[in-house]
Protein backbone atom coordinates (compact mmCIF):
# COMPACT_ATOMS: atom_id res chain seq x y z
CA MET A 1 70.38 63.20 242.42
CA ASP A 2 69.02 65.82 240.02
CA ILE A 3 69.60 65.54 236.29
CA GLY A 4 69.83 68.61 234.09
CA ALA A 5 71.72 69.65 230.97
CA PHE A 6 74.04 72.33 229.67
CA TYR A 7 73.81 74.05 226.31
CA PHE A 8 75.64 76.61 224.21
CA SER A 9 72.69 78.82 223.24
CA THR A 10 73.66 80.10 219.78
CA ASP A 11 72.20 82.18 216.99
CA TYR A 12 71.85 79.06 214.83
CA GLY A 13 70.71 76.40 217.32
CA MET A 14 67.40 75.53 218.96
CA PRO A 15 66.17 78.61 220.88
CA ALA A 16 66.85 78.34 224.60
CA ALA A 17 63.21 79.06 225.43
CA ASP A 18 62.02 76.16 223.28
CA LEU A 19 64.67 73.87 224.73
CA ALA A 20 63.74 74.84 228.29
CA ARG A 21 60.06 74.13 227.68
CA ALA A 22 60.88 70.74 226.12
CA MET A 23 63.16 69.85 229.05
CA GLU A 24 60.59 70.82 231.66
CA ALA A 25 57.94 68.75 229.88
CA ARG A 26 60.22 65.70 230.12
CA GLY A 27 61.00 66.17 233.79
CA PHE A 28 64.56 67.51 233.76
CA GLU A 29 65.64 69.53 236.79
CA SER A 30 67.71 72.29 235.21
CA LEU A 31 69.16 73.97 232.15
CA PHE A 32 72.57 75.67 232.35
CA LEU A 33 73.82 77.97 229.58
CA CYS A 34 77.48 78.56 228.70
CA GLU A 35 79.06 81.99 228.14
CA HIS A 36 81.69 83.73 226.06
CA THR A 37 81.31 87.46 225.57
CA HIS A 38 83.29 87.23 222.31
CA ILE A 39 86.22 85.30 220.84
CA PRO A 40 89.33 87.21 219.69
CA VAL A 41 90.28 86.44 216.11
CA SER A 42 93.98 86.09 217.00
CA ARG A 43 93.43 82.67 218.63
CA ARG A 44 96.72 83.07 220.49
CA THR A 45 95.34 81.08 223.41
CA ALA A 46 95.01 77.43 222.46
CA PHE A 47 91.67 75.70 222.97
CA PRO A 48 92.12 73.65 226.19
CA ALA A 49 90.54 70.53 224.68
CA GLY A 50 92.93 70.68 221.71
CA GLY A 51 92.24 71.15 218.03
CA GLU A 52 90.18 73.91 216.48
CA LEU A 53 87.83 75.98 218.60
CA PRO A 54 84.26 74.74 218.01
CA LYS A 55 81.92 77.09 216.19
CA ARG A 56 79.55 77.33 219.16
CA TYR A 57 82.07 79.30 221.23
CA ILE A 58 81.87 82.18 218.77
CA HIS A 59 78.07 82.33 218.45
CA THR A 60 76.74 82.31 222.03
CA HIS A 61 73.85 84.44 223.20
CA ASP A 62 74.20 86.45 226.38
CA PRO A 63 73.25 83.86 229.01
CA PHE A 64 71.07 86.14 231.11
CA VAL A 65 69.01 87.28 228.14
CA ALA A 66 68.58 83.69 226.93
CA LEU A 67 67.73 82.47 230.44
CA ALA A 68 65.10 85.21 230.79
CA PHE A 69 63.38 83.86 227.67
CA ALA A 70 63.66 80.34 229.12
CA ALA A 71 62.19 81.51 232.43
CA ALA A 72 59.20 83.03 230.65
CA ARG A 73 58.36 79.69 229.01
CA THR A 74 58.72 77.49 232.12
CA THR A 75 57.51 77.33 235.71
CA ARG A 76 59.66 74.74 237.51
CA LEU A 77 62.92 74.28 235.60
CA LYS A 78 65.97 75.68 237.37
CA LEU A 79 68.02 78.03 235.23
CA GLY A 80 71.78 78.35 235.55
CA THR A 81 74.97 79.69 234.06
CA GLY A 82 77.56 77.08 233.29
CA ILE A 83 79.72 79.03 233.54
CA CYS A 84 79.45 82.82 233.83
CA LEU A 85 82.80 84.51 233.28
CA ILE A 86 82.84 86.82 236.30
CA THR A 87 86.31 88.08 235.41
CA GLN A 88 84.76 89.69 232.32
CA ARG A 89 81.70 91.28 233.94
CA ASP A 90 81.03 94.42 235.95
CA PRO A 91 79.86 93.23 239.39
CA ILE A 92 77.24 95.94 239.94
CA VAL A 93 75.57 95.39 236.57
CA THR A 94 75.80 91.60 236.88
CA ALA A 95 74.36 91.60 240.41
CA LYS A 96 71.31 93.51 239.17
CA ALA A 97 70.85 91.18 236.17
CA ILE A 98 70.97 88.12 238.42
CA ALA A 99 68.65 89.58 241.06
CA SER A 100 66.19 90.57 238.33
CA LEU A 101 66.28 87.11 236.74
CA ASP A 102 65.93 85.37 240.10
CA MET A 103 62.96 87.55 241.04
CA LEU A 104 61.18 87.27 237.69
CA SER A 105 61.71 83.48 237.54
CA GLY A 106 60.39 82.93 241.06
CA GLY A 107 63.75 82.06 242.59
CA ARG A 108 64.97 79.51 240.04
CA PHE A 109 68.45 80.84 239.20
CA VAL A 110 71.71 78.93 239.92
CA PHE A 111 74.93 80.93 239.55
CA GLY A 112 77.70 78.81 238.05
CA ILE A 113 80.93 80.83 237.79
CA GLY A 114 84.53 80.49 236.62
CA GLY A 115 87.71 82.39 235.91
CA GLY A 116 87.98 81.63 232.20
CA TRP A 117 90.79 80.27 230.04
CA ASN A 118 91.04 82.62 227.03
CA VAL A 119 93.76 85.15 227.85
CA GLU A 120 92.98 87.54 224.97
CA GLU A 121 89.27 87.47 225.74
CA MET A 122 89.75 88.58 229.32
CA GLU A 123 92.43 91.12 228.32
CA ASN A 124 89.84 92.80 226.08
CA HIS A 125 87.86 93.38 229.29
CA GLY A 126 90.88 94.82 231.09
CA THR A 127 91.45 91.66 233.16
CA VAL A 128 94.94 90.33 233.85
CA HIS A 129 95.11 86.54 233.53
CA GLY A 130 97.49 86.08 236.45
CA THR A 131 95.22 87.84 238.96
CA ARG A 132 91.85 86.74 237.60
CA PHE A 133 90.91 84.62 240.60
CA LYS A 134 91.66 87.42 243.03
CA LEU A 135 89.39 89.61 240.91
CA LEU A 136 86.73 86.88 240.77
CA ARG A 137 86.69 86.56 244.56
CA GLU A 138 86.33 90.28 245.15
CA ARG A 139 83.59 90.62 242.55
CA ILE A 140 81.62 87.76 244.09
CA LEU A 141 81.99 89.18 247.60
CA ALA A 142 80.89 92.59 246.30
CA MET A 143 77.86 91.05 244.60
CA LYS A 144 76.92 89.28 247.81
CA ALA A 145 76.93 92.63 249.57
CA LEU A 146 74.73 94.15 246.85
CA TRP A 147 72.22 91.31 247.20
CA ARG A 148 72.28 91.29 251.01
CA ASP A 149 72.47 94.89 252.22
CA GLU A 150 70.09 97.79 251.80
CA GLU A 151 73.02 100.20 251.65
CA ALA A 152 75.79 98.05 250.20
CA GLU A 153 79.45 98.95 250.04
CA PHE A 154 82.65 97.10 249.26
CA HIS A 155 86.27 98.07 249.63
CA GLY A 156 88.83 95.72 248.14
CA GLU A 157 92.01 96.02 246.13
CA MET A 158 90.27 95.43 242.79
CA VAL A 159 86.62 96.30 243.53
CA ASP A 160 85.73 99.42 245.47
CA PHE A 161 82.52 101.39 245.94
CA ASP A 162 80.90 103.46 248.68
CA PRO A 163 77.34 102.77 249.97
CA VAL A 164 74.81 102.25 247.17
CA TRP A 165 71.21 101.12 246.77
CA SER A 166 70.82 98.15 244.47
CA TYR A 167 67.43 96.62 243.78
CA PRO A 168 65.72 94.26 243.26
CA LYS A 169 67.05 91.74 245.75
CA PRO A 170 67.05 88.06 244.75
CA VAL A 171 64.12 85.89 245.84
CA GLN A 172 66.59 83.30 247.12
CA ARG A 173 68.12 84.57 250.33
CA PRO A 174 70.75 85.62 250.95
CA HIS A 175 71.45 84.99 247.25
CA PRO A 176 71.17 82.30 244.54
CA PRO A 177 73.53 79.33 244.99
CA ILE A 178 77.05 80.09 243.75
CA LEU A 179 78.91 77.15 242.17
CA LEU A 180 82.58 77.43 241.20
CA GLY A 181 83.94 75.50 238.23
CA GLY A 182 87.33 73.78 238.16
CA GLU A 183 89.02 70.61 239.35
CA THR A 184 92.16 71.67 241.23
CA ASP A 185 92.84 71.85 244.95
CA HIS A 186 92.99 75.65 244.53
CA THR A 187 89.43 75.51 243.21
CA LEU A 188 88.28 73.56 246.26
CA LYS A 189 89.84 76.11 248.61
CA ARG A 190 87.90 78.84 246.82
CA VAL A 191 84.69 76.81 246.95
CA VAL A 192 84.82 76.46 250.73
CA ASP A 193 85.93 80.09 251.10
CA PHE A 194 83.15 81.95 249.29
CA CYS A 195 80.87 79.61 247.33
CA ASP A 196 77.93 77.28 247.93
CA GLY A 197 78.95 74.43 245.69
CA TRP A 198 81.59 72.82 243.48
CA PHE A 199 81.15 72.55 239.70
CA PRO A 200 83.77 70.08 238.36
CA ARG A 201 83.84 68.60 234.87
CA ALA A 202 83.59 64.86 234.34
CA THR A 203 87.08 64.65 232.85
CA PRO A 204 88.56 61.23 231.94
CA GLY A 205 89.11 59.26 235.12
CA PHE A 206 86.68 61.37 237.17
CA ASP A 207 85.78 59.43 240.33
CA PRO A 208 82.65 60.74 242.08
CA ALA A 209 83.53 59.14 245.42
CA ASP A 210 86.99 60.71 245.31
CA ALA A 211 85.46 64.07 244.39
CA ILE A 212 83.18 63.97 247.43
CA ALA A 213 86.12 62.99 249.64
CA ARG A 214 88.26 65.85 248.32
CA LEU A 215 85.48 68.37 248.94
CA GLY A 216 85.01 67.01 252.45
CA ALA A 217 88.71 67.35 253.21
CA ALA A 218 88.75 70.94 251.93
CA ALA A 219 85.68 71.79 254.00
CA ASP A 220 87.20 70.25 257.13
CA ALA A 221 90.43 72.21 256.62
CA ALA A 222 88.43 75.44 256.37
CA GLY A 223 86.14 74.64 259.30
CA ARG A 224 83.08 74.51 257.06
CA ASP A 225 80.23 71.98 257.17
CA VAL A 226 80.45 69.96 253.97
CA SER A 227 76.69 69.30 254.11
CA SER A 228 76.17 72.97 253.22
CA LEU A 229 77.96 72.45 249.88
CA SER A 230 76.57 70.93 246.70
CA VAL A 231 78.38 69.18 243.84
CA THR A 232 77.19 69.64 240.25
CA VAL A 233 79.10 67.62 237.63
CA PHE A 234 79.44 69.19 234.19
CA ARG A 235 79.29 66.95 231.09
CA ALA A 236 78.37 63.83 233.04
CA PRO A 237 78.16 60.58 231.06
CA PRO A 238 74.65 59.69 229.83
CA ASP A 239 75.02 56.17 231.18
CA ALA A 240 72.63 54.72 233.78
CA GLY A 241 75.28 52.64 235.52
CA GLN A 242 77.74 55.49 235.86
CA LEU A 243 75.03 57.88 237.01
CA ASP A 244 73.98 55.40 239.68
CA ALA A 245 77.55 55.53 240.98
CA TYR A 246 77.41 59.33 240.99
CA ALA A 247 74.20 59.26 243.02
CA GLU A 248 75.58 56.70 245.48
CA ALA A 249 78.68 58.85 246.02
CA GLY A 250 76.53 61.84 246.98
CA ILE A 251 76.69 64.01 243.85
CA THR A 252 73.92 66.62 243.99
CA ARG A 253 73.32 67.22 240.30
CA VAL A 254 74.66 66.10 236.93
CA LEU A 255 74.49 68.02 233.67
CA LEU A 256 74.28 66.17 230.37
CA GLU A 257 75.47 67.78 227.14
CA ILE A 258 73.02 69.18 224.59
CA PRO A 259 74.60 69.80 221.16
CA ASP A 260 74.47 73.16 219.38
CA ALA A 261 71.91 71.94 216.88
CA GLY A 262 68.32 72.33 215.80
CA ALA A 263 65.21 70.84 217.38
CA ASP A 264 65.23 67.95 214.91
CA GLN A 265 68.43 66.66 216.53
CA ILE A 266 67.90 67.81 220.10
CA LEU A 267 64.38 66.56 220.80
CA PRO A 268 65.15 62.88 220.05
CA LEU A 269 68.25 63.18 222.23
CA LEU A 270 66.15 64.60 225.07
CA ASP A 271 63.83 61.61 224.74
CA ASP A 272 66.84 59.30 225.12
CA TYR A 273 68.19 61.26 228.08
CA ALA A 274 64.75 61.24 229.72
CA LYS A 275 65.05 57.47 230.12
CA LEU A 276 67.72 58.18 232.74
CA LEU A 277 65.43 60.24 234.93
CA GLY A 278 63.74 57.36 236.67
């Protein structure tokens, strides 16, 4: 089982490039960066975890720009989005950004995606909350066509374009791995429909063996080989015993949490986390 971390790359925290280099030096497998394009001041949508919205949600860098800096400072570390809000991004522009990053990093990008929770945020992008997953699916399918075909076209209800040339193509063929975040049965149906992996959070009571069983059942129902699907667990517990159970259950990758802080706080934490890598 691979061990990586996720991080809100902010304008006040440790630079993502420095963090990536420090993680690679300690033997971590991956760094995933979170995304919010902006946060509406209204705060009409409650923070799902309850309480006040943490400062880091308001101060995030663009993940692709930050990951490009991280790629330039590393050679082996995998670089992911955790998650990219596809419902708030133009698919043609995003497909080019991802293909460029994958090419320039030597094929190290992992595409974690999700539908988002902040209604006002997505409305500012012209996205309707109730149909966001239909939009997400069409945008992902359109991006796959852009990465795969020399003359790509897509004709859906929400995404539509005639044949186009879009280069570069990703190094990873046919495209970087696509991981969908969420924990519901609806999420699992989407994973086996158009993704390469599942990206659940380690919520209270998360059972890795049950998670693997649920994914297997969804794959069987869709006629898909479950061995072609990965499972990356977001905010996994930094506990050796629990991580052993994750590995035994068949979890592919776990992501530990890095705080939005400076190097003076993060580097000692990385040293502690590195003890789990053996």
